[in-house]
PDB file of all heavy atoms in Angstrom:
ATOM      1  N   LEU A   1       6.127   0.660  10.239  1.00  0.00           N
ATOM      2  CA  LEU A   1       5.140   0.676   9.162  1.00  0.00           C
ATOM      3  C   LEU A   1       5.809   1.199   7.901  1.00  0.00           C
ATOM      4  O   LEU A   1       6.395   2.268   7.900  1.00  0.00           O
ATOM      5  CB  LEU A   1       3.960   1.572   9.544  1.00  0.00           C
ATOM      6  CG  LEU A   1       2.888   1.747   8.486  1.00  0.00           C
ATOM      7  CD1 LEU A   1       2.162   0.440   8.218  1.00  0.00           C
ATOM      8  CD2 LEU A   1       1.892   2.831   8.914  1.00  0.00           C
ATOM      9  N   VAL A   2       5.692   0.449   6.823  1.00  0.00           N
ATOM     10  CA  VAL A   2       6.287   0.828   5.546  1.00  0.00           C
ATOM     11  C   VAL A   2       5.254   1.506   4.650  1.00  0.00           C
ATOM     12  O   VAL A   2       5.539   2.537   4.039  1.00  0.00           O
ATOM     13  CB  VAL A   2       6.849  -0.419   4.836  1.00  0.00           C
ATOM     14  CG1 VAL A   2       7.326  -0.074   3.427  1.00  0.00           C
ATOM     15  CG2 VAL A   2       7.966  -1.038   5.654  1.00  0.00           C
ATOM     16  N   ALA A   3       4.064   0.942   4.604  1.00  0.00           N
ATOM     17  CA  ALA A   3       3.022   1.470   3.726  1.00  0.00           C
ATOM     18  C   ALA A   3       1.663   1.059   4.266  1.00  0.00           C
ATOM     19  O   ALA A   3       1.523  -0.025   4.832  1.00  0.00           O
ATOM     20  CB  ALA A   3       3.191   0.952   2.301  1.00  0.00           C
ATOM     21  N   ARG A   4       0.685   1.921   4.083  1.00  0.00           N
ATOM     22  CA  ARG A   4      -0.673   1.641   4.531  1.00  0.00           C
ATOM     23  C   ARG A   4      -1.641   1.946   3.401  1.00  0.00           C
ATOM     24  O   ARG A   4      -1.490   2.948   2.699  1.00  0.00           O
ATOM     25  CB  ARG A   4      -1.020   2.474   5.758  1.00  0.00           C
ATOM     26  CG  ARG A   4      -2.441   2.247   6.262  1.00  0.00           C
ATOM     27  CD  ARG A   4      -2.826   3.266   7.309  1.00  0.00           C
ATOM     28  NE  ARG A   4      -2.143   3.055   8.571  1.00  0.00           N
ATOM     29  CZ  ARG A   4      -1.383   3.968   9.158  1.00  0.00           C
ATOM     30  NH1 ARG A   4      -1.184   5.139   8.600  1.00  0.00           N
ATOM     31  NH2 ARG A   4      -0.816   3.702  10.324  1.00  0.00           N
ATOM     32  N   VAL A   5      -2.628   1.081   3.256  1.00  0.00           N
ATOM     33  CA  VAL A   5      -3.727   1.362   2.331  1.00  0.00           C
ATOM     34  C   VAL A   5      -5.016   1.291   3.136  1.00  0.00           C
ATOM     35  O   VAL A   5      -5.321   0.273   3.753  1.00  0.00           O
ATOM     36  CB  VAL A   5      -3.734   0.401   1.111  1.00  0.00           C
ATOM     37  CG1 VAL A   5      -3.739  -1.057   1.528  1.00  0.00           C
ATOM     38  CG2 VAL A   5      -4.905   0.716   0.189  1.00  0.00           C
ATOM     39  N   LYS A   6      -5.741   2.386   3.158  1.00  0.00           N
ATOM     40  CA  LYS A   6      -6.975   2.446   3.917  1.00  0.00           C
ATOM     41  C   LYS A   6      -8.094   1.717   3.177  1.00  0.00           C
ATOM     42  O   LYS A   6      -7.977   1.433   1.986  1.00  0.00           O
ATOM     43  CB  LYS A   6      -7.347   3.887   4.204  1.00  0.00           C
ATOM     44  CG  LYS A   6      -6.329   4.595   5.091  1.00  0.00           C
ATOM     45  CD  LYS A   6      -6.805   5.962   5.520  1.00  0.00           C
ATOM     46  CE  LYS A   6      -5.826   6.601   6.494  1.00  0.00           C
ATOM     47  NZ  LYS A   6      -6.300   7.926   6.970  1.00  0.00           N
ATOM     48  N   PHE A   7      -9.184   1.457   3.883  1.00  0.00           N
ATOM     49  CA  PHE A   7     -10.268   0.685   3.273  1.00  0.00           C
ATOM     50  C   PHE A   7     -10.835   1.408   2.068  1.00  0.00           C
ATOM     51  O   PHE A   7     -11.325   0.791   1.130  1.00  0.00           O
ATOM     52  CB  PHE A   7     -11.344   0.359   4.302  1.00  0.00           C
ATOM     53  CG  PHE A   7     -12.161   1.537   4.746  1.00  0.00           C
ATOM     54  CD1 PHE A   7     -13.316   1.896   4.067  1.00  0.00           C
ATOM     55  CD2 PHE A   7     -11.793   2.292   5.852  1.00  0.00           C
ATOM     56  CE1 PHE A   7     -14.079   2.968   4.479  1.00  0.00           C
ATOM     57  CE2 PHE A   7     -12.542   3.364   6.257  1.00  0.00           C
ATOM     58  CZ  PHE A   7     -13.688   3.722   5.570  1.00  0.00           C
ATOM     59  N   GLY A   8     -10.727   2.740   2.044  1.00  0.00           N
ATOM     60  CA  GLY A   8     -11.233   3.501   0.912  1.00  0.00           C
ATOM     61  C   GLY A   8     -10.239   3.638  -0.232  1.00  0.00           C
ATOM     62  O   GLY A   8     -10.562   4.210  -1.280  1.00  0.00           O
ATOM     63  N   GLY A   9      -9.008   3.129  -0.013  1.00  0.00           N
ATOM     64  CA  GLY A   9      -7.998   3.149  -1.069  1.00  0.00           C
ATOM     65  C   GLY A   9      -6.895   4.177  -0.882  1.00  0.00           C
ATOM     66  O   GLY A   9      -5.887   4.125  -1.597  1.00  0.00           O
ATOM     67  N   ALA A  10      -7.055   5.106   0.047  1.00  0.00           N
ATOM     68  CA  ALA A  10      -5.990   6.086   0.272  1.00  0.00           C
ATOM     69  C   ALA A  10      -4.742   5.381   0.802  1.00  0.00           C
ATOM     70  O   ALA A  10      -4.837   4.402   1.547  1.00  0.00           O
ATOM     71  CB  ALA A  10      -6.453   7.151   1.263  1.00  0.00           C
ATOM     72  N   THR A  11      -3.585   5.902   0.407  1.00  0.00           N
ATOM     73  CA  THR A  11      -2.333   5.271   0.797  1.00  0.00           C
ATOM     74  C   THR A  11      -1.393   6.275   1.468  1.00  0.00           C
ATOM     75  O   THR A  11      -1.489   7.488   1.246  1.00  0.00           O
ATOM     76  CB  THR A  11      -1.601   4.683  -0.420  1.00  0.00           C
ATOM     77  OG1 THR A  11      -1.362   5.734  -1.380  1.00  0.00           O
ATOM     78  CG2 THR A  11      -2.433   3.593  -1.087  1.00  0.00           C
ATOM     79  N   ASN A  12      -0.498   5.770   2.283  1.00  0.00           N
ATOM     80  CA  ASN A  12       0.585   6.588   2.805  1.00  0.00           C
ATOM     81  C   ASN A  12       1.804   5.690   3.026  1.00  0.00           C
ATOM     82  O   ASN A  12       1.674   4.474   3.176  1.00  0.00           O
ATOM     83  CB  ASN A  12       0.192   7.350   4.076  1.00  0.00           C
ATOM     84  CG  ASN A  12      -0.224   6.462   5.206  1.00  0.00           C
ATOM     85  OD1 ASN A  12      -1.340   5.964   5.238  1.00  0.00           O
ATOM     86  ND2 ASN A  12       0.691   6.235   6.136  1.00  0.00           N
ATOM     87  N   TYR A  13       2.979   6.333   3.018  1.00  0.00           N
ATOM     88  CA  TYR A  13       4.235   5.590   3.013  1.00  0.00           C
ATOM     89  C   TYR A  13       5.239   6.197   3.995  1.00  0.00           C
ATOM     90  O   TYR A  13       5.219   7.402   4.267  1.00  0.00           O
ATOM     91  CB  TYR A  13       4.855   5.633   1.605  1.00  0.00           C
ATOM     92  CG  TYR A  13       3.977   5.026   0.541  1.00  0.00           C
ATOM     93  CD1 TYR A  13       3.053   5.805  -0.150  1.00  0.00           C
ATOM     94  CD2 TYR A  13       4.070   3.673   0.232  1.00  0.00           C
ATOM     95  CE1 TYR A  13       2.237   5.249  -1.120  1.00  0.00           C
ATOM     96  CE2 TYR A  13       3.271   3.113  -0.742  1.00  0.00           C
ATOM     97  CZ  TYR A  13       2.350   3.907  -1.398  1.00  0.00           C
ATOM     98  OH  TYR A  13       1.546   3.354  -2.362  1.00  0.00           O
ATOM     99  N   ALA A  14       6.132   5.349   4.463  1.00  0.00           N
ATOM    100  CA  ALA A  14       7.270   5.847   5.220  1.00  0.00           C
ATOM    101  C   ALA A  14       8.153   6.668   4.284  1.00  0.00           C
ATOM    102  O   ALA A  14       8.252   6.367   3.087  1.00  0.00           O
ATOM    103  CB  ALA A  14       8.060   4.677   5.802  1.00  0.00           C
ATOM    104  N   ASP A  15       8.804   7.673   4.819  1.00  0.00           N
ATOM    105  CA  ASP A  15       9.651   8.531   3.990  1.00  0.00           C
ATOM    106  C   ASP A  15      10.736   7.732   3.272  1.00  0.00           C
ATOM    107  O   ASP A  15      11.113   8.056   2.143  1.00  0.00           O
ATOM    108  CB  ASP A  15      10.302   9.617   4.850  1.00  0.00           C
ATOM    109  CG  ASP A  15       9.322  10.684   5.287  1.00  0.00           C
ATOM    110  OD1 ASP A  15       8.226  10.784   4.682  1.00  0.00           O
ATOM    111  OD2 ASP A  15       9.641  11.412   6.244  1.00  0.00           O
ATOM    112  N   SER A  16      11.208   6.671   3.901  1.00  0.00           N
ATOM    113  CA  SER A  16      12.318   5.897   3.350  1.00  0.00           C
ATOM    114  C   SER A  16      11.935   5.123   2.080  1.00  0.00           C
ATOM    115  O   SER A  16      12.817   4.709   1.326  1.00  0.00           O
ATOM    116  CB  SER A  16      12.842   4.919   4.401  1.00  0.00           C
ATOM    117  OG  SER A  16      11.812   4.064   4.840  1.00  0.00           O
ATOM    118  N   VAL A  17      10.642   4.937   1.840  1.00  0.00           N
ATOM    119  CA  VAL A  17      10.228   4.154   0.666  1.00  0.00           C
ATOM    120  C   VAL A  17       9.365   4.963  -0.287  1.00  0.00           C
ATOM    121  O   VAL A  17       8.996   4.467  -1.361  1.00  0.00           O
ATOM    122  CB  VAL A  17       9.472   2.872   1.081  1.00  0.00           C
ATOM    123  CG1 VAL A  17      10.298   2.055   2.052  1.00  0.00           C
ATOM    124  CG2 VAL A  17       8.097   3.186   1.656  1.00  0.00           C
ATOM    125  N   LYS A  18       9.041   6.177   0.078  1.00  0.00           N
ATOM    126  CA  LYS A  18       8.159   7.003  -0.746  1.00  0.00           C
ATOM    127  C   LYS A  18       8.747   7.179  -2.147  1.00  0.00           C
ATOM    128  O   LYS A  18       9.918   7.485  -2.306  1.00  0.00           O
ATOM    129  CB  LYS A  18       7.962   8.350  -0.055  1.00  0.00           C
ATOM    130  CG  LYS A  18       6.725   9.108  -0.473  1.00  0.00           C
ATOM    131  CD  LYS A  18       6.510  10.326   0.417  1.00  0.00           C
ATOM    132  CE  LYS A  18       6.153   9.922   1.838  1.00  0.00           C
ATOM    133  NZ  LYS A  18       5.868  11.100   2.696  1.00  0.00           N
ATOM    134  N   GLY A  19       7.918   6.970  -3.141  1.00  0.00           N
ATOM    135  CA  GLY A  19       8.365   7.092  -4.523  1.00  0.00           C
ATOM    136  C   GLY A  19       8.948   5.812  -5.092  1.00  0.00           C
ATOM    137  O   GLY A  19       9.171   5.712  -6.303  1.00  0.00           O
ATOM    138  N   ARG A  20       9.195   4.827  -4.244  1.00  0.00           N
ATOM    139  CA  ARG A  20       9.768   3.565  -4.703  1.00  0.00           C
ATOM    140  C   ARG A  20       8.796   2.390  -4.522  1.00  0.00           C
ATOM    141  O   ARG A  20       8.802   1.458  -5.328  1.00  0.00           O
ATOM    142  CB  ARG A  20      11.063   3.249  -3.934  1.00  0.00           C
ATOM    143  CG  ARG A  20      12.135   4.297  -4.104  1.00  0.00           C
ATOM    144  CD  ARG A  20      13.459   3.839  -3.503  1.00  0.00           C
ATOM    145  NE  ARG A  20      13.380   3.617  -2.057  1.00  0.00           N
ATOM    146  CZ  ARG A  20      13.676   2.461  -1.460  1.00  0.00           C
ATOM    147  NH1 ARG A  20      14.066   1.416  -2.171  1.00  0.00           N
ATOM    148  NH2 ARG A  20      13.601   2.362  -0.136  1.00  0.00           N
ATOM    149  N   PHE A  21       8.000   2.433  -3.464  1.00  0.00           N
ATOM    150  CA  PHE A  21       7.079   1.340  -3.145  1.00  0.00           C
ATOM    151  C   PHE A  21       5.647   1.792  -3.434  1.00  0.00           C
ATOM    152  O   PHE A  21       5.305   2.967  -3.245  1.00  0.00           O
ATOM    153  CB  PHE A  21       7.178   0.953  -1.676  1.00  0.00           C
ATOM    154  CG  PHE A  21       8.460   0.262  -1.278  1.00  0.00           C
ATOM    155  CD1 PHE A  21       9.555   0.193  -2.126  1.00  0.00           C
ATOM    156  CD2 PHE A  21       8.567  -0.322  -0.027  1.00  0.00           C
ATOM    157  CE1 PHE A  21      10.727  -0.434  -1.751  1.00  0.00           C
ATOM    158  CE2 PHE A  21       9.727  -0.965   0.370  1.00  0.00           C
ATOM    159  CZ  PHE A  21      10.800  -1.008  -0.495  1.00  0.00           C
ATOM    160  N   THR A  22       4.822   0.830  -3.835  1.00  0.00           N
ATOM    161  CA  THR A  22       3.409   1.089  -4.068  1.00  0.00           C
ATOM    162  C   THR A  22       2.577  -0.016  -3.429  1.00  0.00           C
ATOM    163  O   THR A  22       2.794  -1.200  -3.732  1.00  0.00           O
ATOM    164  CB  THR A  22       3.090   1.151  -5.572  1.00  0.00           C
ATOM    165  OG1 THR A  22       3.890   2.161  -6.195  1.00  0.00           O
ATOM    166  CG2 THR A  22       1.614   1.470  -5.789  1.00  0.00           C
ATOM    167  N   VAL A  23       1.651   0.371  -2.559  1.00  0.00           N
ATOM    168  CA  VAL A  23       0.780  -0.598  -1.890  1.00  0.00           C
ATOM    169  C   VAL A  23      -0.583  -0.585  -2.576  1.00  0.00           C
ATOM    170  O   VAL A  23      -1.063   0.471  -3.016  1.00  0.00           O
ATOM    171  CB  VAL A  23       0.643  -0.274  -0.379  1.00  0.00           C
ATOM    172  CG1 VAL A  23       0.037   1.099  -0.148  1.00  0.00           C
ATOM    173  CG2 VAL A  23      -0.139  -1.365   0.334  1.00  0.00           C
ATOM    174  N   SER A  24      -1.185  -1.761  -2.664  1.00  0.00           N
ATOM    175  CA  SER A  24      -2.513  -1.867  -3.264  1.00  0.00           C
ATOM    176  C   SER A  24      -3.270  -3.010  -2.608  1.00  0.00           C
ATOM    177  O   SER A  24      -2.678  -3.834  -1.896  1.00  0.00           O
ATOM    178  CB  SER A  24      -2.413  -2.085  -4.776  1.00  0.00           C
ATOM    179  OG  SER A  24      -1.707  -3.281  -5.061  1.00  0.00           O
ATOM    180  N   ARG A  25      -4.576  -3.067  -2.872  1.00  0.00           N
ATOM    181  CA  ARG A  25      -5.400  -4.107  -2.285  1.00  0.00           C
ATOM    182  C   ARG A  25      -6.425  -4.598  -3.286  1.00  0.00           C
ATOM    183  O   ARG A  25      -6.828  -3.846  -4.186  1.00  0.00           O
ATOM    184  CB  ARG A  25      -6.083  -3.606  -1.011  1.00  0.00           C
ATOM    185  CG  ARG A  25      -7.075  -2.490  -1.245  1.00  0.00           C
ATOM    186  CD  ARG A  25      -7.542  -1.889   0.083  1.00  0.00           C
ATOM    187  NE  ARG A  25      -8.261  -2.853   0.888  1.00  0.00           N
ATOM    188  CZ  ARG A  25      -8.414  -2.741   2.205  1.00  0.00           C
ATOM    189  NH1 ARG A  25      -7.880  -1.723   2.854  1.00  0.00           N
ATOM    190  NH2 ARG A  25      -9.108  -3.652   2.872  1.00  0.00           N
ATOM    191  N   ASP A  26      -6.829  -5.838  -3.110  1.00  0.00           N
ATOM    192  CA  ASP A  26      -7.898  -6.426  -3.909  1.00  0.00           C
ATOM    193  C   ASP A  26      -8.923  -6.971  -2.918  1.00  0.00           C
ATOM    194  O   ASP A  26      -8.705  -8.018  -2.303  1.00  0.00           O
ATOM    195  CB  ASP A  26      -7.340  -7.539  -4.807  1.00  0.00           C
ATOM    196  CG  ASP A  26      -8.374  -8.111  -5.744  1.00  0.00           C
ATOM    197  OD1 ASP A  26      -9.572  -8.165  -5.375  1.00  0.00           O
ATOM    198  OD2 ASP A  26      -8.007  -8.532  -6.855  1.00  0.00           O
ATOM    199  N   ASN A  27     -10.007  -6.248  -2.755  1.00  0.00           N
ATOM    200  CA  ASN A  27     -10.979  -6.641  -1.740  1.00  0.00           C
ATOM    201  C   ASN A  27     -11.690  -7.949  -2.099  1.00  0.00           C
ATOM    202  O   ASN A  27     -12.061  -8.712  -1.201  1.00  0.00           O
ATOM    203  CB  ASN A  27     -12.000  -5.530  -1.539  1.00  0.00           C
ATOM    204  CG  ASN A  27     -11.419  -4.331  -0.818  1.00  0.00           C
ATOM    205  OD1 ASN A  27     -10.450  -4.444  -0.066  1.00  0.00           O
ATOM    206  ND2 ASN A  27     -11.993  -3.165  -1.062  1.00  0.00           N
ATOM    207  N   ALA A  28     -11.873  -8.209  -3.363  1.00  0.00           N
ATOM    208  CA  ALA A  28     -12.544  -9.446  -3.769  1.00  0.00           C
ATOM    209  C   ALA A  28     -11.700 -10.674  -3.413  1.00  0.00           C
ATOM    210  O   ALA A  28     -12.230 -11.712  -3.007  1.00  0.00           O
ATOM    211  CB  ALA A  28     -12.826  -9.420  -5.263  1.00  0.00           C
ATOM    212  N   LYS A  29     -10.387 -10.537  -3.556  1.00  0.00           N
ATOM    213  CA  LYS A  29      -9.479 -11.657  -3.270  1.00  0.00           C
ATOM    214  C   LYS A  29      -8.932 -11.617  -1.844  1.00  0.00           C
ATOM    215  O   LYS A  29      -8.251 -12.543  -1.418  1.00  0.00           O
ATOM    216  CB  LYS A  29      -8.316 -11.655  -4.263  1.00  0.00           C
ATOM    217  CG  LYS A  29      -8.719 -11.886  -5.702  1.00  0.00           C
ATOM    218  CD  LYS A  29      -7.506 -11.885  -6.619  1.00  0.00           C
ATOM    219  CE  LYS A  29      -7.914 -12.140  -8.054  1.00  0.00           C
ATOM    220  NZ  LYS A  29      -6.744 -12.114  -8.969  1.00  0.00           N
ATOM    221  N   LYS A  30      -9.201 -10.536  -1.135  1.00  0.00           N
ATOM    222  CA  LYS A  30      -8.665 -10.348   0.219  1.00  0.00           C
ATOM    223  C   LYS A  30      -7.138 -10.416   0.210  1.00  0.00           C
ATOM    224  O   LYS A  30      -6.519 -11.127   1.001  1.00  0.00           O
ATOM    225  CB  LYS A  30      -9.238 -11.375   1.192  1.00  0.00           C
ATOM    226  CG  LYS A  30     -10.716 -11.185   1.486  1.00  0.00           C
ATOM    227  CD  LYS A  30     -11.173 -12.097   2.624  1.00  0.00           C
ATOM    228  CE  LYS A  30     -12.618 -11.852   2.980  1.00  0.00           C
ATOM    229  NZ  LYS A  30     -13.060 -12.704   4.123  1.00  0.00           N
ATOM    230  N   THR A  31      -6.542  -9.686  -0.700  1.00  0.00           N
ATOM    231  CA  THR A  31      -5.083  -9.636  -0.771  1.00  0.00           C
ATOM    232  C   THR A  31      -4.590  -8.190  -0.697  1.00  0.00           C
ATOM    233  O   THR A  31      -5.297  -7.252  -1.082  1.00  0.00           O
ATOM    234  CB  THR A  31      -4.556 -10.266  -2.065  1.00  0.00           C
ATOM    235  OG1 THR A  31      -5.116  -9.590  -3.183  1.00  0.00           O
ATOM    236  CG2 THR A  31      -4.915 -11.746  -2.144  1.00  0.00           C
ATOM    237  N   VAL A  32      -3.380  -8.054  -0.211  1.00  0.00           N
ATOM    238  CA  VAL A  32      -2.690  -6.770  -0.169  1.00  0.00           C
ATOM    239  C   VAL A  32      -1.328  -6.976  -0.822  1.00  0.00           C
ATOM    240  O   VAL A  32      -0.657  -7.971  -0.539  1.00  0.00           O
ATOM    241  CB  VAL A  32      -2.497  -6.267   1.271  1.00  0.00           C
ATOM    242  CG1 VAL A  32      -1.892  -4.867   1.266  1.00  0.00           C
ATOM    243  CG2 VAL A  32      -3.809  -6.277   2.031  1.00  0.00           C
ATOM    244  N   SER A  33      -0.927  -6.069  -1.684  1.00  0.00           N
ATOM    245  CA  SER A  33       0.331  -6.211  -2.408  1.00  0.00           C
ATOM    246  C   SER A  33       1.244  -5.027  -2.131  1.00  0.00           C
ATOM    247  O   SER A  33       0.783  -3.929  -1.803  1.00  0.00           O
ATOM    248  CB  SER A  33       0.071  -6.315  -3.909  1.00  0.00           C
ATOM    249  OG  SER A  33      -0.695  -7.461  -4.203  1.00  0.00           O
ATOM    250  N   LEU A  34       2.530  -5.266  -2.285  1.00  0.00           N
ATOM    251  CA  LEU A  34       3.528  -4.208  -2.145  1.00  0.00           C
ATOM    252  C   LEU A  34       4.512  -4.335  -3.294  1.00  0.00           C
ATOM    253  O   LEU A  34       5.315  -5.265  -3.331  1.00  0.00           O
ATOM    254  CB  LEU A  34       4.261  -4.308  -0.808  1.00  0.00           C
ATOM    255  CG  LEU A  34       5.225  -3.157  -0.511  1.00  0.00           C
ATOM    256  CD1 LEU A  34       4.444  -1.858  -0.295  1.00  0.00           C
ATOM    257  CD2 LEU A  34       6.081  -3.468   0.721  1.00  0.00           C
ATOM    258  N   GLN A  35       4.425  -3.434  -4.252  1.00  0.00           N
ATOM    259  CA  GLN A  35       5.356  -3.388  -5.362  1.00  0.00           C
ATOM    260  C   GLN A  35       6.558  -2.557  -4.932  1.00  0.00           C
ATOM    261  O   GLN A  35       6.401  -1.383  -4.569  1.00  0.00           O
ATOM    262  CB  GLN A  35       4.704  -2.776  -6.602  1.00  0.00           C
ATOM    263  CG  GLN A  35       5.639  -2.601  -7.785  1.00  0.00           C
ATOM    264  CD  GLN A  35       6.129  -3.919  -8.332  1.00  0.00           C
ATOM    265  OE1 GLN A  35       5.375  -4.879  -8.449  1.00  0.00           O
ATOM    266  NE2 GLN A  35       7.408  -3.976  -8.683  1.00  0.00           N
ATOM    267  N   MET A  36       7.720  -3.175  -4.968  1.00  0.00           N
ATOM    268  CA  MET A  36       8.936  -2.511  -4.497  1.00  0.00           C
ATOM    269  C   MET A  36       9.891  -2.339  -5.669  1.00  0.00           C
ATOM    270  O   MET A  36      10.341  -3.324  -6.258  1.00  0.00           O
ATOM    271  CB  MET A  36       9.587  -3.344  -3.387  1.00  0.00           C
ATOM    272  CG  MET A  36       8.660  -3.634  -2.227  1.00  0.00           C
ATOM    273  SD  MET A  36       9.471  -4.492  -0.867  1.00  0.00           S
ATOM    274  CE  MET A  36       9.845  -6.030  -1.666  1.00  0.00           C
TER     275      MET A  36
END
């Protein structure tokens, strides 16, 4: 697991990517993104 975004929006990351990767979601579009 690299990154998780919970249904409420909370996020957590693997130590190896923390500070570099950002996970987000768009519930209307049913998409999940990972900015690296």
